[in-house]
C-alpha atoms as a PDB file:
ATOM      1  CA  MET A   1      15.463  35.029  17.623  1.00  0.00           C
ATOM      2  CA  ALA A   2      13.071  32.305  17.447  1.00  0.00           C
ATOM      3  CA  LEU A   3      14.484  29.380  16.430  1.00  0.00           C
ATOM      4  CA  ASP A   4      12.878  25.419  15.237  1.00  0.00           C
ATOM      5  CA  ALA A   5      11.997  22.339  16.179  1.00  0.00           C
ATOM      6  CA  ARG A   6      16.145  21.431  15.622  1.00  0.00           C
ATOM      7  CA  ASP A   7      17.450  25.027  16.999  1.00  0.00           C
ATOM      8  CA  LYS A   8      18.040  26.939  13.533  1.00  0.00           C
ATOM      9  CA  GLU A   9      16.696  30.656  12.881  1.00  0.00           C
ATOM     10  CA  ILE A  10      13.333  31.340  11.605  1.00  0.00           C
ATOM     11  CA  LYS A  11      13.302  34.581   9.386  1.00  0.00           C
ATOM     12  CA  ILE A  12      10.566  36.490   7.527  1.00  0.00           C
ATOM     13  CA  ASN A  13      10.550  35.276   4.329  1.00  0.00           C
ATOM     14  CA  SER A  14      11.568  31.706   5.643  1.00  0.00           C
ATOM     15  CA  HIS A  15       9.616  28.008   4.409  1.00  0.00           C
ATOM     16  CA  VAL A  16       8.991  25.925   7.464  1.00  0.00           C
ATOM     17  CA  GLY A  17       6.884  22.978   7.322  1.00  0.00           C
ATOM     18  CA  TYR A  18       4.327  22.451  10.574  1.00  0.00           C
ATOM     19  CA  VAL A  19       5.904  19.335  12.611  1.00  0.00           C
ATOM     20  CA  ASP A  20       2.336  18.017  13.510  1.00  0.00           C
ATOM     21  CA  THR A  21       0.752  18.202  10.213  1.00  0.00           C
ATOM     22  CA  GLY A  22       2.874  18.975   7.046  1.00  0.00           C
ATOM     23  CA  THR A  23       1.695  22.143   6.839  1.00  0.00           C
ATOM     24  CA  ILE A  24       4.230  23.992   4.252  1.00  0.00           C
ATOM     25  CA  GLY A  25       4.620  27.903   4.072  1.00  0.00           C
ATOM     26  CA  GLU A  26       6.337  31.299   4.037  1.00  0.00           C
ATOM     27  CA  VAL A  27       6.378  32.624   7.334  1.00  0.00           C
ATOM     28  CA  ILE A  28       5.141  36.202   7.037  1.00  0.00           C
ATOM     29  CA  ASP A  29       5.149  37.978  11.585  1.00  0.00           C
ATOM     30  CA  ILE A  30       7.324  36.474  14.216  1.00  0.00           C
ATOM     31  CA  LYS A  31       6.376  37.641  17.761  1.00  0.00           C
ATOM     32  CA  THR A  32       7.430  37.194  21.029  1.00  0.00           C
ATOM     33  CA  GLU A  33       4.648  36.267  24.170  1.00  0.00           C
ATOM     34  CA  TYR A  34       5.226  35.209  26.955  1.00  0.00           C
ATOM     35  CA  GLU A  35       8.877  34.661  26.030  1.00  0.00           C
ATOM     36  CA  ILE A  36       7.857  31.856  23.788  1.00  0.00           C
ATOM     37  CA  ASP A  37       8.553  32.323  19.762  1.00  0.00           C
ATOM     38  CA  TRP A  38       5.944  32.201  17.483  1.00  0.00           C
ATOM     39  CA  VAL A  39       5.894  32.485  13.517  1.00  0.00           C
ATOM     40  CA  LYS A  40       2.793  33.077  11.280  1.00  0.00           C
ATOM     41  CA  ILE A  41       2.495  31.267   8.191  1.00  0.00           C
ATOM     42  CA  ASP A  42       1.120  32.252   4.765  1.00  0.00           C
ATOM     43  CA  LYS A  43      -0.690  29.135   3.646  1.00  0.00           C
ATOM     44  CA  THR A  44      -3.498  29.067   6.505  1.00  0.00           C
ATOM     45  CA  ASP A  45      -2.697  33.024   8.022  1.00  0.00           C
ATOM     46  CA  LEU A  46      -2.343  30.752  11.848  1.00  0.00           C
ATOM     47  CA  TRP A  47       0.762  31.480  14.317  1.00  0.00           C
ATOM     48  CA  TYR A  48       2.513  28.521  14.854  1.00  0.00           C
ATOM     49  CA  ARG A  49       5.097  27.714  17.668  1.00  0.00           C
ATOM     50  CA  SER A  50       8.559  28.317  16.161  1.00  0.00           C
ATOM     51  CA  LYS A  51       9.636  25.226  18.536  1.00  0.00           C
ATOM     52  CA  LEU A  52       7.047  22.960  16.317  1.00  0.00           C
ATOM     53  CA  VAL A  53       8.253  23.706  12.697  1.00  0.00           C
ATOM     54  CA  GLU A  54      11.430  22.909  10.721  1.00  0.00           C
ATOM     55  CA  VAL A  55      13.099  25.541   8.416  1.00  0.00           C
ATOM     56  CA  LEU A  56      12.519  24.296   4.932  1.00  0.00           C
ATOM     57  CA  ASP A  57      15.502  24.414   2.045  1.00  0.00           C
ATOM     58  CA  LYS A  58      13.191  26.144  -1.306  1.00  0.00           C
ATOM     59  CA  LYS A  59      15.188  23.281  -2.786  1.00  0.00           C
ATOM     60  CA  ASP A  60      13.594  20.411  -0.615  1.00  0.00           C
ATOM     61  CA  ILE A  61      10.722  21.722  -1.057  1.00  0.00           C
ATOM     62  CA  LYS A  62      10.584  21.468  -4.933  1.00  0.00           C
ATOM     63  CA  GLU A  63      11.855  18.068  -5.016  1.00  0.00           C
ATOM     64  CA  LYS A  64       9.440  16.302  -2.316  1.00  0.00           C
ATOM     65  CA  PHE A  65       6.561  18.720  -2.669  1.00  0.00           C
ATOM     66  CA  THR A  66       6.171  19.180  -6.383  1.00  0.00           C
ATOM     67  CA  PRO A  67       1.885  19.692  -6.970  1.00  0.00           C
ATOM     68  CA  LEU A  68       0.661  16.869  -9.043  1.00  0.00           C
ATOM     69  CA  LYS A  69      -0.299  17.150 -12.802  1.00  0.00           C
ATOM     70  CA  ASP A  70      -3.771  16.677 -14.300  1.00  0.00           C
ATOM     71  CA  ASP A  71      -2.382  13.068 -15.646  1.00  0.00           C
ATOM     72  CA  ASP A  72      -0.916  12.363 -12.629  1.00  0.00           C
ATOM     73  CA  VAL A  73      -4.797  11.510 -11.263  1.00  0.00           C
ATOM     74  CA  ASP A  74      -6.954   8.728 -12.366  1.00  0.00           C
ATOM     75  CA  VAL A  75     -10.064  11.278 -11.794  1.00  0.00           C
ATOM     76  CA  GLU A  76     -12.549   8.318 -12.819  1.00  0.00           C
ATOM     77  CA  SER A  77     -10.946   5.869 -10.147  1.00  0.00           C
ATOM     78  CA  MET A  78     -11.496   8.237  -7.470  1.00  0.00           C
ATOM     79  CA  LYS A  79     -15.113   8.986  -8.143  1.00  0.00           C
ATOM     80  CA  ASP A  80     -15.718   5.292  -8.533  1.00  0.00           C
ATOM     81  CA  ASN A  81     -14.038   4.828  -4.757  1.00  0.00           C
ATOM     82  CA  ALA A  82     -16.443   7.496  -3.762  1.00  0.00           C
ATOM     83  CA  PHE A  83     -19.152   5.616  -4.562  1.00  0.00           C
ATOM     84  CA  LYS A  84     -18.513   2.969  -3.118  1.00  0.00           C
ATOM     85  CA  PHE A  85     -17.951   4.661   0.535  1.00  0.00           C
ATOM     86  CA  GLU A  86     -21.247   6.526  -0.494  1.00  0.00           C
ATOM     87  CA  ASN A  87     -23.220   3.018  -1.382  1.00  0.00           C
ATOM     88  CA  MET A  88     -21.700   1.014   1.999  1.00  0.00           C
ATOM     89  CA  ASP A  89     -24.512  -0.823   3.574  1.00  0.00           C
ATOM     90  CA  ALA A  90     -23.913  -0.060   7.916  1.00  0.00           C
ATOM     91  CA  ILE A  91     -23.764  -3.329   9.874  1.00  0.00           C
ATOM     92  CA  SER A  92     -26.201  -3.022  12.378  1.00  0.00           C
ATOM     93  CA  GLY A  93     -24.277  -4.232  16.618  1.00  0.00           C
ATOM     94  CA  GLY A  94     -20.838  -3.715  14.391  1.00  0.00           C
ATOM     95  CA  ALA A  95     -19.671  -1.292  17.461  1.00  0.00           C
ATOM     96  CA  GLU A  96     -20.494  -1.746  20.667  1.00  0.00           C
ATOM     97  CA  GLY A  97     -20.441   0.855  23.598  1.00  0.00           C
ATOM     98  CA  GLY A  98     -17.902  -0.014  26.802  1.00  0.00           C
ATOM     99  CA  GLY A  99     -20.193   0.826  29.288  1.00  0.00           C
END
């Protein structure tokens, strides 16, 4: 039986979040190798140690991670900010090595 970071049982089709990055997905496979439990998440198709994910309720996922609507994002402002970063002048000598 695979257990998450809070010692809750993880099952196939459980929704989990990876503690370090916040990656969220549905568990599509579970395996144990060398006494370590692993879960495979559908969104990334990667294996995660079961003790580094947390089982999430579907209700919590909908409340906390609702996708943005088009009218929630100011695209022109984002483009303007990106343009400012592209045209930023680099100042010589701003960062020096410690050797």
